[in-house]
Amino acid sequence: METNTTIDTTENQHDAPVARFAELQALVAGMAADFEKFYRGNNKAAGTRVRNSMQELKNLAQAIRTEVQAIKNGGKPAAAGEEGAEAADSDDVQ
């Protein structure tokens, strides 16, 4: 179950929080059927899908955390490829 939805980076900053929350809600809602199948129906394949969905949720949560931190610190949200660059820059400081 791939539910990677991307958000257009041309959105203004007021729409981004609503879009991010909607993306989070859609991901969680999409997992409901597999949770039901695994926990109530003991369907092992659904368990694999639950684990994959939870990994997607973890990745989305980390992206949102990084974005929130960047905005909080007075900058703009980092583009998808810039997350690692910020981490590398902070490692260089001694």
PDB file of N, CA and C in Angstrom:
ATOM      1  N   MET A   1       0.845  -1.174   0.000  1.00  0.00           N
ATOM      2  CA  MET A   1       0.000   0.000   0.000  1.00  0.00           C
ATOM      3  C   MET A   1       0.889   1.235   0.000  1.00  0.00           C
ATOM      4  N   GLU A   2       1.190   1.764  -1.145  1.00  0.00           N
ATOM      5  CA  GLU A   2       1.966   2.998  -1.256  1.00  0.00           C
ATOM      6  C   GLU A   2       1.014   4.176  -1.192  1.00  0.00           C
ATOM      7  N   THR A   3       1.219   5.037  -0.230  1.00  0.00           N
ATOM      8  CA  THR A   3       0.356   6.205  -0.104  1.00  0.00           C
ATOM      9  C   THR A   3       1.176   7.480  -0.120  1.00  0.00           C
ATOM     10  N   ASN A   4       2.306   7.416  -0.804  1.00  0.00           N
ATOM     11  CA  ASN A   4       3.130   8.614  -0.879  1.00  0.00           C
ATOM     12  C   ASN A   4       2.401   9.689  -1.658  1.00  0.00           C
ATOM     13  N   THR A   5       1.971  10.705  -0.958  1.00  0.00           N
ATOM     14  CA  THR A   5       1.370  11.849  -1.606  1.00  0.00           C
ATOM     15  C   THR A   5       2.317  13.009  -1.414  1.00  0.00           C
ATOM     16  N   THR A   6       2.528  13.739  -2.471  1.00  0.00           N
ATOM     17  CA  THR A   6       3.445  14.861  -2.367  1.00  0.00           C
ATOM     18  C   THR A   6       2.663  16.153  -2.325  1.00  0.00           C
ATOM     19  N   ILE A   7       3.219  17.105  -1.655  1.00  0.00           N
ATOM     20  CA  ILE A   7       2.613  18.418  -1.528  1.00  0.00           C
ATOM     21  C   ILE A   7       3.360  19.364  -2.456  1.00  0.00           C
ATOM     22  N   ASP A   8       2.623  20.119  -3.240  1.00  0.00           N
ATOM     23  CA  ASP A   8       3.208  21.083  -4.148  1.00  0.00           C
ATOM     24  C   ASP A   8       3.940  22.144  -3.342  1.00  0.00           C
ATOM     25  N   THR A   9       5.208  22.387  -3.672  1.00  0.00           N
ATOM     26  CA  THR A   9       6.006  23.341  -2.908  1.00  0.00           C
ATOM     27  C   THR A   9       5.658  24.787  -3.212  1.00  0.00           C
ATOM     28  N   THR A  10       4.741  25.031  -4.156  1.00  0.00           N
ATOM     29  CA  THR A  10       4.357  26.405  -4.467  1.00  0.00           C
ATOM     30  C   THR A  10       3.224  26.902  -3.577  1.00  0.00           C
ATOM     31  N   GLU A  11       2.753  26.054  -2.646  1.00  0.00           N
ATOM     32  CA  GLU A  11       1.688  26.483  -1.748  1.00  0.00           C
ATOM     33  C   GLU A  11       2.196  27.620  -0.866  1.00  0.00           C
ATOM     34  N   ASN A  12       1.276  28.506  -0.477  1.00  0.00           N
ATOM     35  CA  ASN A  12       1.727  29.530   0.449  1.00  0.00           C
ATOM     36  C   ASN A  12       1.817  28.934   1.837  1.00  0.00           C
ATOM     37  N   GLN A  13       2.461  29.630   2.759  1.00  0.00           N
ATOM     38  CA  GLN A  13       2.755  29.072   4.065  1.00  0.00           C
ATOM     39  C   GLN A  13       1.502  28.839   4.903  1.00  0.00           C
ATOM     40  N   HIS A  14       0.397  29.522   4.603  1.00  0.00           N
ATOM     41  CA  HIS A  14      -0.826  29.328   5.367  1.00  0.00           C
ATOM     42  C   HIS A  14      -1.518  28.024   5.008  1.00  0.00           C
ATOM     43  N   ASP A  15      -1.375  27.555   3.781  1.00  0.00           N
ATOM     44  CA  ASP A  15      -2.013  26.316   3.360  1.00  0.00           C
ATOM     45  C   ASP A  15      -1.186  25.095   3.724  1.00  0.00           C
ATOM     46  N   ALA A  16       0.113  25.263   3.913  1.00  0.00           N
ATOM     47  CA  ALA A  16       0.998  24.134   4.182  1.00  0.00           C
ATOM     48  C   ALA A  16       0.616  23.368   5.444  1.00  0.00           C
ATOM     49  N   PRO A  17       0.334  24.024   6.580  1.00  0.00           N
ATOM     50  CA  PRO A  17      -0.023  23.240   7.769  1.00  0.00           C
ATOM     51  C   PRO A  17      -1.284  22.407   7.563  1.00  0.00           C
ATOM     52  N   VAL A  18      -2.269  22.960   6.899  1.00  0.00           N
ATOM     53  CA  VAL A  18      -3.505  22.229   6.644  1.00  0.00           C
ATOM     54  C   VAL A  18      -3.216  21.055   5.713  1.00  0.00           C
ATOM     55  N   ALA A  19      -2.405  21.267   4.708  1.00  0.00           N
ATOM     56  CA  ALA A  19      -2.073  20.209   3.756  1.00  0.00           C
ATOM     57  C   ALA A  19      -1.274  19.105   4.441  1.00  0.00           C
ATOM     58  N   ARG A  20      -0.336  19.470   5.290  1.00  0.00           N
ATOM     59  CA  ARG A  20       0.462  18.474   6.003  1.00  0.00           C
ATOM     60  C   ARG A  20      -0.423  17.639   6.926  1.00  0.00           C
ATOM     61  N   PHE A  21      -1.345  18.296   7.626  1.00  0.00           N
ATOM     62  CA  PHE A  21      -2.244  17.582   8.531  1.00  0.00           C
ATOM     63  C   PHE A  21      -3.164  16.658   7.737  1.00  0.00           C
ATOM     64  N   ALA A  22      -3.656  17.124   6.610  1.00  0.00           N
ATOM     65  CA  ALA A  22      -4.514  16.298   5.756  1.00  0.00           C
ATOM     66  C   ALA A  22      -3.741  15.093   5.234  1.00  0.00           C
ATOM     67  N   GLU A  23      -2.479  15.301   4.888  1.00  0.00           N
ATOM     68  CA  GLU A  23      -1.625  14.209   4.424  1.00  0.00           C
ATOM     69  C   GLU A  23      -1.448  13.168   5.535  1.00  0.00           C
ATOM     70  N   LEU A  24      -1.244  13.640   6.750  1.00  0.00           N
ATOM     71  CA  LEU A  24      -1.093  12.762   7.902  1.00  0.00           C
ATOM     72  C   LEU A  24      -2.383  11.975   8.162  1.00  0.00           C
ATOM     73  N   GLN A  25      -3.510  12.679   8.121  1.00  0.00           N
ATOM     74  CA  GLN A  25      -4.801  12.015   8.337  1.00  0.00           C
ATOM     75  C   GLN A  25      -5.079  10.959   7.272  1.00  0.00           C
ATOM     76  N   ALA A  26      -4.769  11.271   6.014  1.00  0.00           N
ATOM     77  CA  ALA A  26      -5.009  10.329   4.924  1.00  0.00           C
ATOM     78  C   ALA A  26      -4.164   9.070   5.097  1.00  0.00           C
ATOM     79  N   LEU A  27      -2.930   9.254   5.510  1.00  0.00           N
ATOM     80  CA  LEU A  27      -2.054   8.104   5.716  1.00  0.00           C
ATOM     81  C   LEU A  27      -2.583   7.206   6.826  1.00  0.00           C
ATOM     82  N   VAL A  28      -2.973   7.802   7.944  1.00  0.00           N
ATOM     83  CA  VAL A  28      -3.492   7.026   9.072  1.00  0.00           C
ATOM     84  C   VAL A  28      -4.815   6.356   8.700  1.00  0.00           C
ATOM     85  N   ALA A  29      -5.696   7.078   8.041  1.00  0.00           N
ATOM     86  CA  ALA A  29      -6.986   6.506   7.646  1.00  0.00           C
ATOM     87  C   ALA A  29      -6.795   5.336   6.683  1.00  0.00           C
ATOM     88  N   GLY A  30      -5.804   5.427   5.819  1.00  0.00           N
ATOM     89  CA  GLY A  30      -5.541   4.360   4.865  1.00  0.00           C
ATOM     90  C   GLY A  30      -5.052   3.073   5.514  1.00  0.00           C
ATOM     91  N   MET A  31      -4.588   3.162   6.746  1.00  0.00           N
ATOM     92  CA  MET A  31      -4.079   1.982   7.445  1.00  0.00           C
ATOM     93  C   MET A  31      -5.176   1.217   8.185  1.00  0.00           C
ATOM     94  N   ALA A  32      -6.342   1.794   8.337  1.00  0.00           N
ATOM     95  CA  ALA A  32      -7.395   1.217   9.175  1.00  0.00           C
ATOM     96  C   ALA A  32      -7.786  -0.198   8.754  1.00  0.00           C
ATOM     97  N   ALA A  33      -7.984  -0.416   7.485  1.00  0.00           N
ATOM     98  CA  ALA A  33      -8.430  -1.733   7.016  1.00  0.00           C
ATOM     99  C   ALA A  33      -7.392  -2.810   7.300  1.00  0.00           C
ATOM    100  N   ASP A  34      -6.121  -2.481   7.078  1.00  0.00           N
ATOM    101  CA  ASP A  34      -5.067  -3.468   7.336  1.00  0.00           C
ATOM    102  C   ASP A  34      -4.921  -3.754   8.828  1.00  0.00           C
ATOM    103  N   PHE A  35      -5.091  -2.736   9.672  1.00  0.00           N
ATOM    104  CA  PHE A  35      -5.073  -2.974  11.116  1.00  0.00           C
ATOM    105  C   PHE A  35      -6.178  -3.945  11.499  1.00  0.00           C
ATOM    106  N   GLU A  36      -7.356  -3.708  10.963  1.00  0.00           N
ATOM    107  CA  GLU A  36      -8.512  -4.572  11.244  1.00  0.00           C
ATOM    108  C   GLU A  36      -8.228  -6.008  10.802  1.00  0.00           C
ATOM    109  N   LYS A  37      -7.728  -6.169   9.587  1.00  0.00           N
ATOM    110  CA  LYS A  37      -7.452  -7.501   9.055  1.00  0.00           C
ATOM    111  C   LYS A  37      -6.381  -8.226   9.869  1.00  0.00           C
ATOM    112  N   PHE A  38      -5.375  -7.485  10.309  1.00  0.00           N
ATOM    113  CA  PHE A  38      -4.300  -8.126  11.045  1.00  0.00           C
ATOM    114  C   PHE A  38      -4.715  -8.483  12.478  1.00  0.00           C
ATOM    115  N   TYR A  39      -5.256  -7.510  13.202  1.00  0.00           N
ATOM    116  CA  TYR A  39      -5.558  -7.741  14.615  1.00  0.00           C
ATOM    117  C   TYR A  39      -6.812  -8.588  14.839  1.00  0.00           C
ATOM    118  N   ARG A  40      -7.791  -8.449  13.999  1.00  0.00           N
ATOM    119  CA  ARG A  40      -9.021  -9.237  14.183  1.00  0.00           C
ATOM    120  C   ARG A  40      -9.030 -10.495  13.328  1.00  0.00           C
ATOM    121  N   GLY A  41      -8.481 -10.410  12.134  1.00  0.00           N
ATOM    122  CA  GLY A  41      -8.535 -11.548  11.219  1.00  0.00           C
ATOM    123  C   GLY A  41      -7.276 -12.381  11.191  1.00  0.00           C
ATOM    124  N   ASN A  42      -6.239 -11.945  11.922  1.00  0.00           N
ATOM    125  CA  ASN A  42      -4.963 -12.651  11.970  1.00  0.00           C
ATOM    126  C   ASN A  42      -4.375 -12.874  10.573  1.00  0.00           C
ATOM    127  N   ASN A  43      -4.536 -11.878   9.697  1.00  0.00           N
ATOM    128  CA  ASN A  43      -4.014 -11.930   8.331  1.00  0.00           C
ATOM    129  C   ASN A  43      -2.572 -11.430   8.353  1.00  0.00           C
ATOM    130  N   LYS A  44      -1.629 -12.336   8.124  1.00  0.00           N
ATOM    131  CA  LYS A  44      -0.210 -11.985   8.217  1.00  0.00           C
ATOM    132  C   LYS A  44       0.225 -11.012   7.131  1.00  0.00           C
ATOM    133  N   ALA A  45      -0.346 -11.111   5.951  1.00  0.00           N
ATOM    134  CA  ALA A  45      -0.006 -10.176   4.870  1.00  0.00           C
ATOM    135  C   ALA A  45      -0.432  -8.761   5.243  1.00  0.00           C
ATOM    136  N   ALA A  46      -1.566  -8.636   5.931  1.00  0.00           N
ATOM    137  CA  ALA A  46      -2.018  -7.323   6.391  1.00  0.00           C
ATOM    138  C   ALA A  46      -1.048  -6.779   7.428  1.00  0.00           C
ATOM    139  N   GLY A  47      -0.462  -7.662   8.232  1.00  0.00           N
ATOM    140  CA  GLY A  47       0.541  -7.246   9.209  1.00  0.00           C
ATOM    141  C   GLY A  47       1.755  -6.633   8.531  1.00  0.00           C
ATOM    142  N   THR A  48       2.163  -7.215   7.413  1.00  0.00           N
ATOM    143  CA  THR A  48       3.282  -6.659   6.643  1.00  0.00           C
ATOM    144  C   THR A  48       2.923  -5.278   6.117  1.00  0.00           C
ATOM    145  N   ARG A  49       1.694  -5.136   5.627  1.00  0.00           N
ATOM    146  CA  ARG A  49       1.254  -3.819   5.140  1.00  0.00           C
ATOM    147  C   ARG A  49       1.183  -2.802   6.274  1.00  0.00           C
ATOM    148  N   VAL A  50       0.778  -3.243   7.458  1.00  0.00           N
ATOM    149  CA  VAL A  50       0.748  -2.349   8.622  1.00  0.00           C
ATOM    150  C   VAL A  50       2.159  -1.870   8.930  1.00  0.00           C
ATOM    151  N   ARG A  51       3.115  -2.790   8.941  1.00  0.00           N
ATOM    152  CA  ARG A  51       4.504  -2.410   9.224  1.00  0.00           C
ATOM    153  C   ARG A  51       5.032  -1.430   8.185  1.00  0.00           C
ATOM    154  N   ASN A  52       4.724  -1.672   6.910  1.00  0.00           N
ATOM    155  CA  ASN A  52       5.165  -0.752   5.856  1.00  0.00           C
ATOM    156  C   ASN A  52       4.517   0.618   6.013  1.00  0.00           C
ATOM    157  N   SER A  53       3.242   0.631   6.336  1.00  0.00           N
ATOM    158  CA  SER A  53       2.539   1.894   6.540  1.00  0.00           C
ATOM    159  C   SER A  53       3.090   2.651   7.740  1.00  0.00           C
ATOM    160  N   MET A  54       3.425   1.927   8.786  1.00  0.00           N
ATOM    161  CA  MET A  54       3.998   2.570   9.967  1.00  0.00           C
ATOM    162  C   MET A  54       5.359   3.183   9.647  1.00  0.00           C
ATOM    163  N   GLN A  55       6.124   2.550   8.768  1.00  0.00           N
ATOM    164  CA  GLN A  55       7.408   3.118   8.343  1.00  0.00           C
ATOM    165  C   GLN A  55       7.179   4.406   7.551  1.00  0.00           C
ATOM    166  N   GLU A  56       6.166   4.395   6.682  1.00  0.00           N
ATOM    167  CA  GLU A  56       5.817   5.613   5.945  1.00  0.00           C
ATOM    168  C   GLU A  56       5.413   6.725   6.904  1.00  0.00           C
ATOM    169  N   LEU A  57       4.648   6.372   7.927  1.00  0.00           N
ATOM    170  CA  LEU A  57       4.214   7.334   8.934  1.00  0.00           C
ATOM    171  C   LEU A  57       5.421   7.909   9.668  1.00  0.00           C
ATOM    172  N   LYS A  58       6.356   7.051  10.001  1.00  0.00           N
ATOM    173  CA  LYS A  58       7.580   7.496  10.677  1.00  0.00           C
ATOM    174  C   LYS A  58       8.349   8.481   9.796  1.00  0.00           C
ATOM    175  N   ASN A  59       8.480   8.161   8.512  1.00  0.00           N
ATOM    176  CA  ASN A  59       9.206   9.041   7.592  1.00  0.00           C
ATOM    177  C   ASN A  59       8.499  10.384   7.430  1.00  0.00           C
ATOM    178  N   LEU A  60       7.165  10.352   7.335  1.00  0.00           N
ATOM    179  CA  LEU A  60       6.403  11.593   7.225  1.00  0.00           C
ATOM    180  C   LEU A  60       6.555  12.416   8.496  1.00  0.00           C
ATOM    181  N   ALA A  61       6.477  11.755   9.641  1.00  0.00           N
ATOM    182  CA  ALA A  61       6.631  12.461  10.912  1.00  0.00           C
ATOM    183  C   ALA A  61       7.994  13.129  10.993  1.00  0.00           C
ATOM    184  N   GLN A  62       9.041  12.452  10.560  1.00  0.00           N
ATOM    185  CA  GLN A  62      10.381  13.039  10.599  1.00  0.00           C
ATOM    186  C   GLN A  62      10.476  14.226   9.656  1.00  0.00           C
ATOM    187  N   ALA A  63       9.883  14.127   8.481  1.00  0.00           N
ATOM    188  CA  ALA A  63       9.901  15.248   7.533  1.00  0.00           C
ATOM    189  C   ALA A  63       9.168  16.459   8.111  1.00  0.00           C
ATOM    190  N   ILE A  64       8.041  16.216   8.763  1.00  0.00           N
ATOM    191  CA  ILE A  64       7.284  17.311   9.368  1.00  0.00           C
ATOM    192  C   ILE A  64       8.069  17.911  10.530  1.00  0.00           C
ATOM    193  N   ARG A  65       8.705  17.068  11.349  1.00  0.00           N
ATOM    194  CA  ARG A  65       9.522  17.573  12.457  1.00  0.00           C
ATOM    195  C   ARG A  65      10.636  18.486  11.947  1.00  0.00           C
ATOM    196  N   THR A  66      11.299  18.056  10.883  1.00  0.00           N
ATOM    197  CA  THR A  66      12.382  18.848  10.300  1.00  0.00           C
ATOM    198  C   THR A  66      11.846  20.175   9.770  1.00  0.00           C
ATOM    199  N   GLU A  67      10.704  20.125   9.107  1.00  0.00           N
ATOM    200  CA  GLU A  67      10.079  21.324   8.564  1.00  0.00           C
ATOM    201  C   GLU A  67       9.681  22.294   9.675  1.00  0.00           C
ATOM    202  N   VAL A  68       9.082  21.774  10.733  1.00  0.00           N
ATOM    203  CA  VAL A  68       8.667  22.614  11.863  1.00  0.00           C
ATOM    204  C   VAL A  68       9.879  23.264  12.512  1.00  0.00           C
ATOM    205  N   GLN A  69      10.940  22.493  12.701  1.00  0.00           N
ATOM    206  CA  GLN A  69      12.151  23.041  13.311  1.00  0.00           C
ATOM    207  C   GLN A  69      12.739  24.156  12.457  1.00  0.00           C
ATOM    208  N   ALA A  70      12.760  23.964  11.148  1.00  0.00           N
ATOM    209  CA  ALA A  70      13.304  24.980  10.247  1.00  0.00           C
ATOM    210  C   ALA A  70      12.469  26.257  10.308  1.00  0.00           C
ATOM    211  N   ILE A  71      11.159  26.117  10.319  1.00  0.00           N
ATOM    212  CA  ILE A  71      10.281  27.291  10.398  1.00  0.00           C
ATOM    213  C   ILE A  71      10.431  27.966  11.751  1.00  0.00           C
ATOM    214  N   LYS A  72      10.492  27.178  12.810  1.00  0.00           N
ATOM    215  CA  LYS A  72      10.627  27.715  14.160  1.00  0.00           C
ATOM    216  C   LYS A  72      11.910  28.523  14.304  1.00  0.00           C
ATOM    217  N   ASN A  73      12.958  28.085  13.668  1.00  0.00           N
ATOM    218  CA  ASN A  73      14.243  28.769  13.753  1.00  0.00           C
ATOM    219  C   ASN A  73      14.335  29.952  12.809  1.00  0.00           C
ATOM    220  N   GLY A  74      13.230  30.322  12.182  1.00  0.00           N
ATOM    221  CA  GLY A  74      13.176  31.526  11.375  1.00  0.00           C
ATOM    222  C   GLY A  74      13.472  31.348   9.910  1.00  0.00           C
ATOM    223  N   GLY A  75      13.676  30.139   9.486  1.00  0.00           N
ATOM    224  CA  GLY A  75      13.955  29.896   8.084  1.00  0.00           C
ATOM    225  C   GLY A  75      12.735  29.396   7.357  1.00  0.00           C
ATOM    226  N   LYS A  76      12.945  29.044   6.139  1.00  0.00           N
ATOM    227  CA  LYS A  76      11.883  28.449   5.333  1.00  0.00           C
ATOM    228  C   LYS A  76      11.992  26.939   5.457  1.00  0.00           C
ATOM    229  N   PRO A  77      10.896  26.230   5.165  1.00  0.00           N
ATOM    230  CA  PRO A  77      10.970  24.775   5.213  1.00  0.00           C
ATOM    231  C   PRO A  77      11.993  24.254   4.214  1.00  0.00           C
ATOM    232  N   ALA A  78      12.750  23.256   4.610  1.00  0.00           N
ATOM    233  CA  ALA A  78      13.763  22.672   3.735  1.00  0.00           C
ATOM    234  C   ALA A  78      13.077  21.870   2.639  1.00  0.00           C
ATOM    235  N   ALA A  79      13.645  21.915   1.453  1.00  0.00           N
ATOM    236  CA  ALA A  79      13.144  21.088   0.362  1.00  0.00           C
ATOM    237  C   ALA A  79      13.486  19.642   0.684  1.00  0.00           C
ATOM    238  N   ALA A  80      12.856  18.710   0.007  1.00  0.00           N
ATOM    239  CA  ALA A  80      13.011  17.291   0.318  1.00  0.00           C
ATOM    240  C   ALA A  80      14.474  16.853   0.311  1.00  0.00           C
ATOM    241  N   GLY A  81      15.264  17.328  -0.612  1.00  0.00           N
ATOM    242  CA  GLY A  81      16.656  16.919  -0.709  1.00  0.00           C
ATOM    243  C   GLY A  81      17.588  17.668   0.210  1.00  0.00           C
ATOM    244  N   GLU A  82      17.118  18.708   0.873  1.00  0.00           N
ATOM    245  CA  GLU A  82      17.984  19.529   1.699  1.00  0.00           C
ATOM    246  C   GLU A  82      18.062  19.074   3.145  1.00  0.00           C
ATOM    247  N   GLU A  83      17.241  18.109   3.556  1.00  0.00           N
ATOM    248  CA  GLU A  83      17.234  17.666   4.943  1.00  0.00           C
ATOM    249  C   GLU A  83      18.594  17.129   5.345  1.00  0.00           C
ATOM    250  N   GLY A  84      19.195  16.316   4.518  1.00  0.00           N
ATOM    251  CA  GLY A  84      20.501  15.749   4.822  1.00  0.00           C
ATOM    252  C   GLY A  84      21.586  16.807   4.831  1.00  0.00           C
ATOM    253  N   ALA A  85      21.434  17.839   3.996  1.00  0.00           N
ATOM    254  CA  ALA A  85      22.433  18.902   3.939  1.00  0.00           C
ATOM    255  C   ALA A  85      22.482  19.670   5.246  1.00  0.00           C
ATOM    256  N   GLU A  86      21.314  19.903   5.861  1.00  0.00           N
ATOM    257  CA  GLU A  86      21.283  20.597   7.139  1.00  0.00           C
ATOM    258  C   GLU A  86      21.969  19.779   8.211  1.00  0.00           C
ATOM    259  N   ALA A  87      21.747  18.490   8.217  1.00  0.00           N
ATOM    260  CA  ALA A  87      22.370  17.618   9.205  1.00  0.00           C
ATOM    261  C   ALA A  87      23.878  17.592   9.017  1.00  0.00           C
ATOM    262  N   ALA A  88      24.328  17.580   7.761  1.00  0.00           N
ATOM    263  CA  ALA A  88      25.760  17.571   7.485  1.00  0.00           C
ATOM    264  C   ALA A  88      26.401  18.877   7.942  1.00  0.00           C
ATOM    265  N   ASP A  89      25.700  19.988   7.768  1.00  0.00           N
ATOM    266  CA  ASP A  89      26.243  21.272   8.192  1.00  0.00           C
ATOM    267  C   ASP A  89      26.401  21.321   9.702  1.00  0.00           C
ATOM    268  N   SER A  90      25.466  20.776  10.430  1.00  0.00           N
ATOM    269  CA  SER A  90      25.537  20.818  11.890  1.00  0.00           C
ATOM    270  C   SER A  90      26.636  19.890  12.408  1.00  0.00           C
ATOM    271  N   ASP A  91      26.988  18.862  11.666  1.00  0.00           N
ATOM    272  CA  ASP A  91      28.068  17.957  12.082  1.00  0.00           C
ATOM    273  C   ASP A  91      29.441  18.615  11.949  1.00  0.00           C
ATOM    274  N   ASP A  92      29.570  19.586  11.054  1.00  0.00           N
ATOM    275  CA  ASP A  92      30.845  20.238  10.814  1.00  0.00           C
ATOM    276  C   ASP A  92      31.232  21.193  11.931  1.00  0.00           C
ATOM    277  N   VAL A  93      30.260  21.674  12.695  1.00  0.00           N
ATOM    278  CA  VAL A  93      30.516  22.637  13.753  1.00  0.00           C
ATOM    279  C   VAL A  93      31.153  21.930  14.939  1.00  0.00           C
ATOM    280  N   GLN A  94      32.272  22.480  15.451  1.00  0.00           N
ATOM    281  CA  GLN A  94      32.944  21.836  16.586  1.00  0.00           C
ATOM    282  C   GLN A  94      33.029  22.751  17.771  1.00  0.00           C
TER     283      GLN A  94
END
